[in-house]
Amino acid sequence: GFNNAMPFWFFPAVLLVASLPALPWLVLGHLGTRQGEGSDPD
């Protein structure tokens, strides 16, 4: 009964649009295989 009803995908879409300039590095880095090979010891 409150205002601003939005679909479930609203926030993923907001993050996607608002962070577009940085997203290529996020995708490239985590798909790549350099330095550390994806290890996450801590």
PDB file of all heavy atoms in Angstrom:
ATOM      1  N   GLY A   1       0.784  -1.222   0.000  1.00  0.00           N
ATOM      2  CA  GLY A   1       0.000   0.000   0.000  1.00  0.00           C
ATOM      3  C   GLY A   1       0.816   1.272   0.000  1.00  0.00           C
ATOM      4  O   GLY A   1       0.273   2.351   0.219  1.00  0.00           O
ATOM      5  N   PHE A   2       2.127   1.159  -0.225  1.00  0.00           N
ATOM      6  CA  PHE A   2       2.969   2.350  -0.199  1.00  0.00           C
ATOM      7  C   PHE A   2       3.323   2.761  -1.622  1.00  0.00           C
ATOM      8  O   PHE A   2       3.127   2.015  -2.581  1.00  0.00           O
ATOM      9  CB  PHE A   2       4.240   2.081   0.619  1.00  0.00           C
ATOM     10  CG  PHE A   2       3.953   1.810   2.069  1.00  0.00           C
ATOM     11  CD1 PHE A   2       3.811   0.507   2.526  1.00  0.00           C
ATOM     12  CD2 PHE A   2       3.798   2.842   2.966  1.00  0.00           C
ATOM     13  CE1 PHE A   2       3.546   0.244   3.869  1.00  0.00           C
ATOM     14  CE2 PHE A   2       3.525   2.594   4.311  1.00  0.00           C
ATOM     15  CZ  PHE A   2       3.402   1.297   4.752  1.00  0.00           C
ATOM     16  N   ASN A   3       3.887   3.946  -1.761  1.00  0.00           N
ATOM     17  CA  ASN A   3       4.216   4.472  -3.090  1.00  0.00           C
ATOM     18  C   ASN A   3       5.404   3.759  -3.701  1.00  0.00           C
ATOM     19  O   ASN A   3       6.067   2.942  -3.066  1.00  0.00           O
ATOM     20  CB  ASN A   3       4.517   5.971  -2.981  1.00  0.00           C
ATOM     21  CG  ASN A   3       3.288   6.764  -2.618  1.00  0.00           C
ATOM     22  OD1 ASN A   3       2.170   6.259  -2.628  1.00  0.00           O
ATOM     23  ND2 ASN A   3       3.489   8.032  -2.286  1.00  0.00           N
ATOM     24  N   ASN A   4       5.702   4.126  -4.957  1.00  0.00           N
ATOM     25  CA  ASN A   4       6.921   3.718  -5.658  1.00  0.00           C
ATOM     26  C   ASN A   4       7.011   2.211  -5.868  1.00  0.00           C
ATOM     27  O   ASN A   4       8.071   1.611  -5.693  1.00  0.00           O
ATOM     28  CB  ASN A   4       8.165   4.203  -4.898  1.00  0.00           C
ATOM     29  CG  ASN A   4       8.076   5.677  -4.531  1.00  0.00           C
ATOM     30  OD1 ASN A   4       7.965   6.531  -5.393  1.00  0.00           O
ATOM     31  ND2 ASN A   4       8.096   5.952  -3.240  1.00  0.00           N
ATOM     32  N   ALA A   5       5.897   1.584  -6.219  1.00  0.00           N
ATOM     33  CA  ALA A   5       5.926   0.152  -6.531  1.00  0.00           C
ATOM     34  C   ALA A   5       6.734  -0.062  -7.810  1.00  0.00           C
ATOM     35  O   ALA A   5       6.493   0.583  -8.828  1.00  0.00           O
ATOM     36  CB  ALA A   5       4.511  -0.380  -6.695  1.00  0.00           C
ATOM     37  N   MET A   6       7.700  -0.976  -7.738  1.00  0.00           N
ATOM     38  CA  MET A   6       8.586  -1.261  -8.865  1.00  0.00           C
ATOM     39  C   MET A   6       8.756  -2.766  -8.993  1.00  0.00           C
ATOM     40  O   MET A   6       8.634  -3.502  -8.008  1.00  0.00           O
ATOM     41  CB  MET A   6       9.955  -0.590  -8.663  1.00  0.00           C
ATOM     42  CG  MET A   6       9.924   0.923  -8.702  1.00  0.00           C
ATOM     43  SD  MET A   6       9.543   1.553 -10.360  1.00  0.00           S
ATOM     44  CE  MET A   6       9.486   3.319 -10.037  1.00  0.00           C
ATOM     45  N   PRO A   7       9.107  -3.260 -10.193  1.00  0.00           N
ATOM     46  CA  PRO A   7       9.316  -4.700 -10.373  1.00  0.00           C
ATOM     47  C   PRO A   7      10.574  -5.180  -9.665  1.00  0.00           C
ATOM     48  O   PRO A   7      11.437  -4.381  -9.271  1.00  0.00           O
ATOM     49  CB  PRO A   7       9.434  -4.855 -11.891  1.00  0.00           C
ATOM     50  CG  PRO A   7       9.851  -3.511 -12.385  1.00  0.00           C
ATOM     51  CD  PRO A   7       9.219  -2.513 -11.469  1.00  0.00           C
ATOM     52  N   PHE A   8      10.720  -6.495  -9.572  1.00  0.00           N
ATOM     53  CA  PHE A   8      11.838  -7.090  -8.844  1.00  0.00           C
ATOM     54  C   PHE A   8      13.188  -6.702  -9.447  1.00  0.00           C
ATOM     55  O   PHE A   8      14.178  -6.563  -8.726  1.00  0.00           O
ATOM     56  CB  PHE A   8      11.697  -8.619  -8.844  1.00  0.00           C
ATOM     57  CG  PHE A   8      12.716  -9.322  -7.994  1.00  0.00           C
ATOM     58  CD1 PHE A   8      12.514  -9.488  -6.635  1.00  0.00           C
ATOM     59  CD2 PHE A   8      13.884  -9.819  -8.558  1.00  0.00           C
ATOM     60  CE1 PHE A   8      13.451 -10.132  -5.840  1.00  0.00           C
ATOM     61  CE2 PHE A   8      14.837 -10.467  -7.773  1.00  0.00           C
ATOM     62  CZ  PHE A   8      14.610 -10.624  -6.411  1.00  0.00           C
ATOM     63  N   TRP A   9      13.233  -6.515 -10.772  1.00  0.00           N
ATOM     64  CA  TRP A   9      14.509  -6.256 -11.450  1.00  0.00           C
ATOM     65  C   TRP A   9      14.926  -4.778 -11.384  1.00  0.00           C
ATOM     66  O   TRP A   9      15.938  -4.388 -11.978  1.00  0.00           O
ATOM     67  CB  TRP A   9      14.426  -6.685 -12.914  1.00  0.00           C
ATOM     68  CG  TRP A   9      13.211  -6.184 -13.655  1.00  0.00           C
ATOM     69  CD1 TRP A   9      12.058  -6.861 -13.885  1.00  0.00           C
ATOM     70  CD2 TRP A   9      13.039  -4.878 -14.243  1.00  0.00           C
ATOM     71  NE1 TRP A   9      11.165  -6.070 -14.586  1.00  0.00           N
ATOM     72  CE2 TRP A   9      11.742  -4.848 -14.823  1.00  0.00           C
ATOM     73  CE3 TRP A   9      13.840  -3.746 -14.339  1.00  0.00           C
ATOM     74  CZ2 TRP A   9      11.244  -3.735 -15.482  1.00  0.00           C
ATOM     75  CZ3 TRP A   9      13.344  -2.626 -14.993  1.00  0.00           C
ATOM     76  CH2 TRP A   9      12.061  -2.633 -15.558  1.00  0.00           C
ATOM     77  N   PHE A  10      14.174  -3.937 -10.678  1.00  0.00           N
ATOM     78  CA  PHE A  10      14.437  -2.497 -10.677  1.00  0.00           C
ATOM     79  C   PHE A  10      15.851  -2.160 -10.198  1.00  0.00           C
ATOM     80  O   PHE A  10      16.587  -1.419 -10.863  1.00  0.00           O
ATOM     81  CB  PHE A  10      13.400  -1.793  -9.798  1.00  0.00           C
ATOM     82  CG  PHE A  10      13.635  -0.312  -9.635  1.00  0.00           C
ATOM     83  CD1 PHE A  10      13.403   0.555 -10.679  1.00  0.00           C
ATOM     84  CD2 PHE A  10      14.090   0.216  -8.423  1.00  0.00           C
ATOM     85  CE1 PHE A  10      13.604   1.930 -10.534  1.00  0.00           C
ATOM     86  CE2 PHE A  10      14.295   1.572  -8.267  1.00  0.00           C
ATOM     87  CZ  PHE A  10      14.055   2.432  -9.328  1.00  0.00           C
ATOM     88  N   PHE A  11      16.260  -2.708  -9.052  1.00  0.00           N
ATOM     89  CA  PHE A  11      17.569  -2.340  -8.497  1.00  0.00           C
ATOM     90  C   PHE A  11      18.742  -2.882  -9.315  1.00  0.00           C
ATOM     91  O   PHE A  11      19.734  -2.164  -9.498  1.00  0.00           O
ATOM     92  CB  PHE A  11      17.666  -2.770  -7.040  1.00  0.00           C
ATOM     93  CG  PHE A  11      16.885  -1.879  -6.116  1.00  0.00           C
ATOM     94  CD1 PHE A  11      16.045  -2.416  -5.149  1.00  0.00           C
ATOM     95  CD2 PHE A  11      16.971  -0.503  -6.205  1.00  0.00           C
ATOM     96  CE1 PHE A  11      15.317  -1.598  -4.299  1.00  0.00           C
ATOM     97  CE2 PHE A  11      16.249   0.326  -5.361  1.00  0.00           C
ATOM     98  CZ  PHE A  11      15.418  -0.226  -4.410  1.00  0.00           C
ATOM     99  N   PRO A  12      18.695  -4.129  -9.819  1.00  0.00           N
ATOM    100  CA  PRO A  12      19.769  -4.536 -10.735  1.00  0.00           C
ATOM    101  C   PRO A  12      19.898  -3.599 -11.934  1.00  0.00           C
ATOM    102  O   PRO A  12      21.021  -3.284 -12.361  1.00  0.00           O
ATOM    103  CB  PRO A  12      19.352  -5.946 -11.160  1.00  0.00           C
ATOM    104  CG  PRO A  12      18.558  -6.458 -10.009  1.00  0.00           C
ATOM    105  CD  PRO A  12      17.809  -5.260  -9.489  1.00  0.00           C
ATOM    106  N   ALA A  13      18.766  -3.133 -12.460  1.00  0.00           N
ATOM    107  CA  ALA A  13      18.818  -2.215 -13.598  1.00  0.00           C
ATOM    108  C   ALA A  13      19.439  -0.874 -13.194  1.00  0.00           C
ATOM    109  O   ALA A  13      20.240  -0.291 -13.943  1.00  0.00           O
ATOM    110  CB  ALA A  13      17.408  -1.995 -14.155  1.00  0.00           C
ATOM    111  N   VAL A  14      19.089  -0.382 -12.002  1.00  0.00           N
ATOM    112  CA  VAL A  14      19.654   0.882 -11.525  1.00  0.00           C
ATOM    113  C   VAL A  14      21.167   0.773 -11.381  1.00  0.00           C
ATOM    114  O   VAL A  14      21.923   1.646 -11.833  1.00  0.00           O
ATOM    115  CB  VAL A  14      19.016   1.283 -10.180  1.00  0.00           C
ATOM    116  CG1 VAL A  14      19.794   2.430  -9.523  1.00  0.00           C
ATOM    117  CG2 VAL A  14      17.569   1.695 -10.385  1.00  0.00           C
ATOM    118  N   LEU A  15      21.637  -0.300 -10.756  1.00  0.00           N
ATOM    119  CA  LEU A  15      23.084  -0.488 -10.594  1.00  0.00           C
ATOM    120  C   LEU A  15      23.781  -0.617 -11.936  1.00  0.00           C
ATOM    121  O   LEU A  15      24.888  -0.087 -12.133  1.00  0.00           O
ATOM    122  CB  LEU A  15      23.354  -1.727  -9.743  1.00  0.00           C
ATOM    123  CG  LEU A  15      23.124  -1.580  -8.234  1.00  0.00           C
ATOM    124  CD1 LEU A  15      23.334  -2.921  -7.551  1.00  0.00           C
ATOM    125  CD2 LEU A  15      24.060  -0.539  -7.641  1.00  0.00           C
ATOM    126  N   LEU A  16      23.152  -1.318 -12.858  1.00  0.00           N
ATOM    127  CA  LEU A  16      23.750  -1.500 -14.180  1.00  0.00           C
ATOM    128  C   LEU A  16      23.928  -0.165 -14.883  1.00  0.00           C
ATOM    129  O   LEU A  16      25.013   0.160 -15.382  1.00  0.00           O
ATOM    130  CB  LEU A  16      22.869  -2.433 -15.018  1.00  0.00           C
ATOM    131  CG  LEU A  16      23.341  -2.699 -16.455  1.00  0.00           C
ATOM    132  CD1 LEU A  16      24.636  -3.488 -16.430  1.00  0.00           C
ATOM    133  CD2 LEU A  16      22.271  -3.451 -17.239  1.00  0.00           C
ATOM    134  N   VAL A  17      22.882   0.640 -14.912  1.00  0.00           N
ATOM    135  CA  VAL A  17      22.941   1.921 -15.622  1.00  0.00           C
ATOM    136  C   VAL A  17      23.876   2.890 -14.912  1.00  0.00           C
ATOM    137  O   VAL A  17      24.686   3.578 -15.547  1.00  0.00           O
ATOM    138  CB  VAL A  17      21.525   2.516 -15.742  1.00  0.00           C
ATOM    139  CG1 VAL A  17      21.591   3.936 -16.297  1.00  0.00           C
ATOM    140  CG2 VAL A  17      20.658   1.630 -16.626  1.00  0.00           C
ATOM    141  N   ALA A  18      23.780   2.954 -13.583  1.00  0.00           N
ATOM    142  CA  ALA A  18      24.546   3.943 -12.826  1.00  0.00           C
ATOM    143  C   ALA A  18      26.042   3.644 -12.793  1.00  0.00           C
ATOM    144  O   ALA A  18      26.840   4.535 -12.501  1.00  0.00           O
ATOM    145  CB  ALA A  18      24.014   4.040 -11.402  1.00  0.00           C
ATOM    146  N   SER A  19      26.443   2.412 -13.060  1.00  0.00           N
ATOM    147  CA  SER A  19      27.864   2.052 -12.994  1.00  0.00           C
ATOM    148  C   SER A  19      28.417   1.631 -14.344  1.00  0.00           C
ATOM    149  O   SER A  19      29.457   0.969 -14.417  1.00  0.00           O
ATOM    150  CB  SER A  19      28.064   0.923 -11.978  1.00  0.00           C
ATOM    151  OG  SER A  19      27.256  -0.197 -12.302  1.00  0.00           O
ATOM    152  N   LEU A  20      27.758   2.013 -15.440  1.00  0.00           N
ATOM    153  CA  LEU A  20      28.182   1.578 -16.776  1.00  0.00           C
ATOM    154  C   LEU A  20      29.654   1.854 -17.089  1.00  0.00           C
ATOM    155  O   LEU A  20      30.327   0.972 -17.630  1.00  0.00           O
ATOM    156  CB  LEU A  20      27.282   2.245 -17.838  1.00  0.00           C
ATOM    157  CG  LEU A  20      25.977   1.523 -18.167  1.00  0.00           C
ATOM    158  CD1 LEU A  20      25.156   2.340 -19.161  1.00  0.00           C
ATOM    159  CD2 LEU A  20      26.254   0.130 -18.723  1.00  0.00           C
ATOM    160  N   PRO A  21      30.204   3.058 -16.781  1.00  0.00           N
ATOM    161  CA  PRO A  21      31.607   3.281 -17.147  1.00  0.00           C
ATOM    162  C   PRO A  21      32.579   2.301 -16.501  1.00  0.00           C
ATOM    163  O   PRO A  21      33.638   2.020 -17.057  1.00  0.00           O
ATOM    164  CB  PRO A  21      31.866   4.716 -16.652  1.00  0.00           C
ATOM    165  CG  PRO A  21      30.521   5.355 -16.629  1.00  0.00           C
ATOM    166  CD  PRO A  21      29.578   4.263 -16.230  1.00  0.00           C
ATOM    167  N   ALA A  22      32.229   1.762 -15.321  1.00  0.00           N
ATOM    168  CA  ALA A  22      33.144   0.867 -14.616  1.00  0.00           C
ATOM    169  C   ALA A  22      32.913  -0.601 -14.946  1.00  0.00           C
ATOM    170  O   ALA A  22      33.776  -1.440 -14.668  1.00  0.00           O
ATOM    171  CB  ALA A  22      33.022   1.072 -13.107  1.00  0.00           C
ATOM    172  N   LEU A  23      31.778  -0.925 -15.537  1.00  0.00           N
ATOM    173  CA  LEU A  23      31.422  -2.331 -15.737  1.00  0.00           C
ATOM    174  C   LEU A  23      32.377  -3.099 -16.656  1.00  0.00           C
ATOM    175  O   LEU A  23      32.638  -4.279 -16.421  1.00  0.00           O
ATOM    176  CB  LEU A  23      29.991  -2.442 -16.260  1.00  0.00           C
ATOM    177  CG  LEU A  23      28.889  -2.217 -15.220  1.00  0.00           C
ATOM    178  CD1 LEU A  23      27.521  -2.416 -15.844  1.00  0.00           C
ATOM    179  CD2 LEU A  23      29.056  -3.159 -14.036  1.00  0.00           C
ATOM    180  N   PRO A  24      32.919  -2.492 -17.729  1.00  0.00           N
ATOM    181  CA  PRO A  24      33.856  -3.266 -18.563  1.00  0.00           C
ATOM    182  C   PRO A  24      35.035  -3.835 -17.782  1.00  0.00           C
ATOM    183  O   PRO A  24      35.462  -4.968 -18.025  1.00  0.00           O
ATOM    184  CB  PRO A  24      34.305  -2.245 -19.608  1.00  0.00           C
ATOM    185  CG  PRO A  24      33.181  -1.277 -19.702  1.00  0.00           C
ATOM    186  CD  PRO A  24      32.634  -1.172 -18.306  1.00  0.00           C
ATOM    187  N   TRP A  25      35.563  -3.064 -16.822  1.00  0.00           N
ATOM    188  CA  TRP A  25      36.704  -3.543 -16.041  1.00  0.00           C
ATOM    189  C   TRP A  25      36.276  -4.655 -15.090  1.00  0.00           C
ATOM    190  O   TRP A  25      37.042  -5.597 -14.843  1.00  0.00           O
ATOM    191  CB  TRP A  25      37.339  -2.382 -15.272  1.00  0.00           C
ATOM    192  CG  TRP A  25      37.491  -1.192 -16.156  1.00  0.00           C
ATOM    193  CD1 TRP A  25      36.862   0.004 -16.063  1.00  0.00           C
ATOM    194  CD2 TRP A  25      38.294  -1.125 -17.341  1.00  0.00           C
ATOM    195  NE1 TRP A  25      37.212   0.830 -17.089  1.00  0.00           N
ATOM    196  CE2 TRP A  25      38.099   0.166 -17.900  1.00  0.00           C
ATOM    197  CE3 TRP A  25      39.155  -2.011 -17.983  1.00  0.00           C
ATOM    198  CZ2 TRP A  25      38.743   0.583 -19.057  1.00  0.00           C
ATOM    199  CZ3 TRP A  25      39.793  -1.602 -19.150  1.00  0.00           C
ATOM    200  CH2 TRP A  25      39.587  -0.329 -19.678  1.00  0.00           C
ATOM    201  N   LEU A  26      35.070  -4.563 -14.580  1.00  0.00           N
ATOM    202  CA  LEU A  26      34.549  -5.637 -13.726  1.00  0.00           C
ATOM    203  C   LEU A  26      34.451  -6.940 -14.508  1.00  0.00           C
ATOM    204  O   LEU A  26      34.874  -7.996 -14.041  1.00  0.00           O
ATOM    205  CB  LEU A  26      33.170  -5.227 -13.194  1.00  0.00           C
ATOM    206  CG  LEU A  26      32.459  -6.230 -12.295  1.00  0.00           C
ATOM    207  CD1 LEU A  26      33.222  -6.403 -10.996  1.00  0.00           C
ATOM    208  CD2 LEU A  26      31.027  -5.775 -12.009  1.00  0.00           C
ATOM    209  N   VAL A  27      33.915  -6.867 -15.719  1.00  0.00           N
ATOM    210  CA  VAL A  27      33.745  -8.074 -16.547  1.00  0.00           C
ATOM    211  C   VAL A  27      35.103  -8.605 -17.013  1.00  0.00           C
ATOM    212  O   VAL A  27      35.405  -9.801 -16.872  1.00  0.00           O
ATOM    213  CB  VAL A  27      32.839  -7.763 -17.752  1.00  0.00           C
ATOM    214  CG1 VAL A  27      32.765  -8.976 -18.683  1.00  0.00           C
ATOM    215  CG2 VAL A  27      31.448  -7.364 -17.281  1.00  0.00           C
ATOM    216  N   LEU A  28      35.936  -7.715 -17.542  1.00  0.00           N
ATOM    217  CA  LEU A  28      37.233  -8.157 -18.057  1.00  0.00           C
ATOM    218  C   LEU A  28      38.100  -8.757 -16.962  1.00  0.00           C
ATOM    219  O   LEU A  28      38.752  -9.784 -17.159  1.00  0.00           O
ATOM    220  CB  LEU A  28      37.965  -6.973 -18.706  1.00  0.00           C
ATOM    221  CG  LEU A  28      37.395  -6.462 -20.035  1.00  0.00           C
ATOM    222  CD1 LEU A  28      38.109  -5.185 -20.450  1.00  0.00           C
ATOM    223  CD2 LEU A  28      37.540  -7.535 -21.116  1.00  0.00           C
ATOM    224  N   GLY A  29      38.125  -8.118 -15.809  1.00  0.00           N
ATOM    225  CA  GLY A  29      38.987  -8.598 -14.732  1.00  0.00           C
ATOM    226  C   GLY A  29      38.572  -9.943 -14.187  1.00  0.00           C
ATOM    227  O   GLY A  29      39.415 -10.815 -13.940  1.00  0.00           O
ATOM    228  N   HIS A  30      37.281 -10.145 -14.008  1.00  0.00           N
ATOM    229  CA  HIS A  30      36.842 -11.397 -13.404  1.00  0.00           C
ATOM    230  C   HIS A  30      36.698 -12.520 -14.416  1.00  0.00           C
ATOM    231  O   HIS A  30      36.570 -13.681 -14.040  1.00  0.00           O
ATOM    232  CB  HIS A  30      35.527 -11.175 -12.644  1.00  0.00           C
ATOM    233  CG  HIS A  30      35.729 -10.416 -11.373  1.00  0.00           C
ATOM    234  ND1 HIS A  30      36.367 -10.941 -10.270  1.00  0.00           N
ATOM    235  CD2 HIS A  30      35.409  -9.127 -11.028  1.00  0.00           C
ATOM    236  CE1 HIS A  30      36.411 -10.045  -9.298  1.00  0.00           C
ATOM    237  NE2 HIS A  30      35.842  -8.934  -9.741  1.00  0.00           N
ATOM    238  N   LEU A  31      36.761 -12.172 -15.719  1.00  0.00           N
ATOM    239  CA  LEU A  31      36.822 -13.230 -16.728  1.00  0.00           C
ATOM    240  C   LEU A  31      38.246 -13.578 -17.091  1.00  0.00           C
ATOM    241  O   LEU A  31      38.496 -14.602 -17.705  1.00  0.00           O
ATOM    242  CB  LEU A  31      36.073 -12.781 -17.995  1.00  0.00           C
ATOM    243  CG  LEU A  31      34.549 -12.703 -17.900  1.00  0.00           C
ATOM    244  CD1 LEU A  31      33.961 -12.239 -19.223  1.00  0.00           C
ATOM    245  CD2 LEU A  31      33.959 -14.055 -17.514  1.00  0.00           C
ATOM    246  N   GLY A  32      39.169 -12.690 -16.726  1.00  0.00           N
ATOM    247  CA  GLY A  32      40.571 -12.910 -17.069  1.00  0.00           C
ATOM    248  C   GLY A  32      41.210 -13.966 -16.187  1.00  0.00           C
ATOM    249  O   GLY A  32      40.618 -14.503 -15.261  1.00  0.00           O
ATOM    250  N   THR A  33      42.483 -14.249 -16.457  1.00  0.00           N
ATOM    251  CA  THR A  33      43.197 -15.293 -15.710  1.00  0.00           C
ATOM    252  C   THR A  33      44.539 -14.796 -15.195  1.00  0.00           C
ATOM    253  O   THR A  33      45.416 -15.588 -14.891  1.00  0.00           O
ATOM    254  CB  THR A  33      43.435 -16.508 -16.612  1.00  0.00           C
ATOM    255  OG1 THR A  33      44.151 -16.103 -17.792  1.00  0.00           O
ATOM    256  CG2 THR A  33      42.126 -17.156 -17.018  1.00  0.00           C
ATOM    257  N   ARG A  34      44.694 -13.471 -15.087  1.00  0.00           N
ATOM    258  CA  ARG A  34      45.984 -12.966 -14.640  1.00  0.00           C
ATOM    259  C   ARG A  34      46.050 -12.894 -13.128  1.00  0.00           C
ATOM    260  O   ARG A  34      45.062 -13.059 -12.436  1.00  0.00           O
ATOM    261  CB  ARG A  34      46.238 -11.576 -15.217  1.00  0.00           C
ATOM    262  CG  ARG A  34      46.246 -11.530 -16.741  1.00  0.00           C
ATOM    263  CD  ARG A  34      46.718 -10.169 -17.197  1.00  0.00           C
ATOM    264  NE  ARG A  34      46.473  -9.980 -18.621  1.00  0.00           N
ATOM    265  CZ  ARG A  34      46.814  -8.899 -19.290  1.00  0.00           C
ATOM    266  NH1 ARG A  34      47.410  -7.903 -18.677  1.00  0.00           N
ATOM    267  NH2 ARG A  34      46.550  -8.797 -20.574  1.00  0.00           N
ATOM    268  N   GLN A  35      47.175 -12.584 -12.648  1.00  0.00           N
ATOM    269  CA  GLN A  35      47.547 -12.309 -11.265  1.00  0.00           C
ATOM    270  C   GLN A  35      46.596 -12.886 -10.222  1.00  0.00           C
ATOM    271  O   GLN A  35      45.559 -12.352  -9.921  1.00  0.00           O
ATOM    272  CB  GLN A  35      47.657 -10.799 -11.042  1.00  0.00           C
ATOM    273  CG  GLN A  35      48.385 -10.490  -9.739  1.00  0.00           C
ATOM    274  CD  GLN A  35      48.918  -9.090  -9.731  1.00  0.00           C
ATOM    275  OE1 GLN A  35      49.054  -8.444 -10.754  1.00  0.00           O
ATOM    276  NE2 GLN A  35      49.273  -8.621  -8.560  1.00  0.00           N
ATOM    277  N   GLY A  36      46.973 -13.983  -9.683  1.00  0.00           N
ATOM    278  CA  GLY A  36      46.232 -14.589  -8.583  1.00  0.00           C
ATOM    279  C   GLY A  36      45.310 -15.690  -9.018  1.00  0.00           C
ATOM    280  O   GLY A  36      44.844 -16.486  -8.204  1.00  0.00           O
ATOM    281  N   GLU A  37      45.002 -15.768 -10.320  1.00  0.00           N
ATOM    282  CA  GLU A  37      44.132 -16.823 -10.845  1.00  0.00           C
ATOM    283  C   GLU A  37      42.838 -16.954 -10.055  1.00  0.00           C
ATOM    284  O   GLU A  37      42.323 -18.034  -9.849  1.00  0.00           O
ATOM    285  CB  GLU A  37      44.884 -18.171 -10.846  1.00  0.00           C
ATOM    286  CG  GLU A  37      46.110 -18.188 -11.757  1.00  0.00           C
ATOM    287  CD  GLU A  37      45.750 -18.041 -13.228  1.00  0.00           C
ATOM    288  OE1 GLU A  37      44.639 -18.468 -13.603  1.00  0.00           O
ATOM    289  OE2 GLU A  37      46.553 -17.507 -13.993  1.00  0.00           O
ATOM    290  N   GLY A  38      42.333 -15.823  -9.609  1.00  0.00           N
ATOM    291  CA  GLY A  38      41.037 -15.848  -8.927  1.00  0.00           C
ATOM    292  C   GLY A  38      41.102 -16.287  -7.482  1.00  0.00           C
ATOM    293  O   GLY A  38      40.067 -16.516  -6.859  1.00  0.00           O
ATOM    294  N   SER A  39      42.321 -16.444  -6.904  1.00  0.00           N
ATOM    295  CA  SER A  39      42.421 -16.870  -5.506  1.00  0.00           C
ATOM    296  C   SER A  39      41.882 -15.774  -4.595  1.00  0.00           C
ATOM    297  O   SER A  39      41.966 -14.589  -4.905  1.00  0.00           O
ATOM    298  CB  SER A  39      43.881 -17.171  -5.161  1.00  0.00           C
ATOM    299  OG  SER A  39      44.672 -16.007  -5.295  1.00  0.00           O
ATOM    300  N   ASP A  40      41.353 -16.192  -3.467  1.00  0.00           N
ATOM    301  CA  ASP A  40      40.749 -15.253  -2.512  1.00  0.00           C
ATOM    302  C   ASP A  40      41.015 -15.769  -1.104  1.00  0.00           C
ATOM    303  O   ASP A  40      40.084 -16.135  -0.383  1.00  0.00           O
ATOM    304  CB  ASP A  40      39.248 -15.136  -2.800  1.00  0.00           C
ATOM    305  CG  ASP A  40      38.567 -14.071  -1.944  1.00  0.00           C
ATOM    306  OD1 ASP A  40      39.250 -13.106  -1.541  1.00  0.00           O
ATOM    307  OD2 ASP A  40      37.363 -14.214  -1.689  1.00  0.00           O
ATOM    308  N   PRO A  41      42.305 -15.804  -0.695  1.00  0.00           N
ATOM    309  CA  PRO A  41      42.646 -16.468   0.566  1.00  0.00           C
ATOM    310  C   PRO A  41      41.989 -15.853   1.794  1.00  0.00           C
ATOM    311  O   PRO A  41      41.703 -16.558   2.763  1.00  0.00           O
ATOM    312  CB  PRO A  41      44.173 -16.340   0.634  1.00  0.00           C
ATOM    313  CG  PRO A  41      44.511 -15.190  -0.263  1.00  0.00           C
ATOM    314  CD  PRO A  41      43.487 -15.225  -1.364  1.00  0.00           C
ATOM    315  N   ASP A  42      41.752 -14.562   1.799  1.00  0.00           N
ATOM    316  CA  ASP A  42      41.142 -13.918   2.963  1.00  0.00           C
ATOM    317  C   ASP A  42      39.645 -13.694   2.798  1.00  0.00           C
ATOM    318  O   ASP A  42      39.005 -13.134   3.688  1.00  0.00           O
ATOM    319  CB  ASP A  42      41.839 -12.586   3.251  1.00  0.00           C
ATOM    320  CG  ASP A  42      43.277 -12.796   3.690  1.00  0.00           C
ATOM    321  OD1 ASP A  42      43.494 -13.636   4.585  1.00  0.00           O
ATOM    322  OD2 ASP A  42      44.171 -12.147   3.132  1.00  0.00           O
TER     323      ASP A  42
END
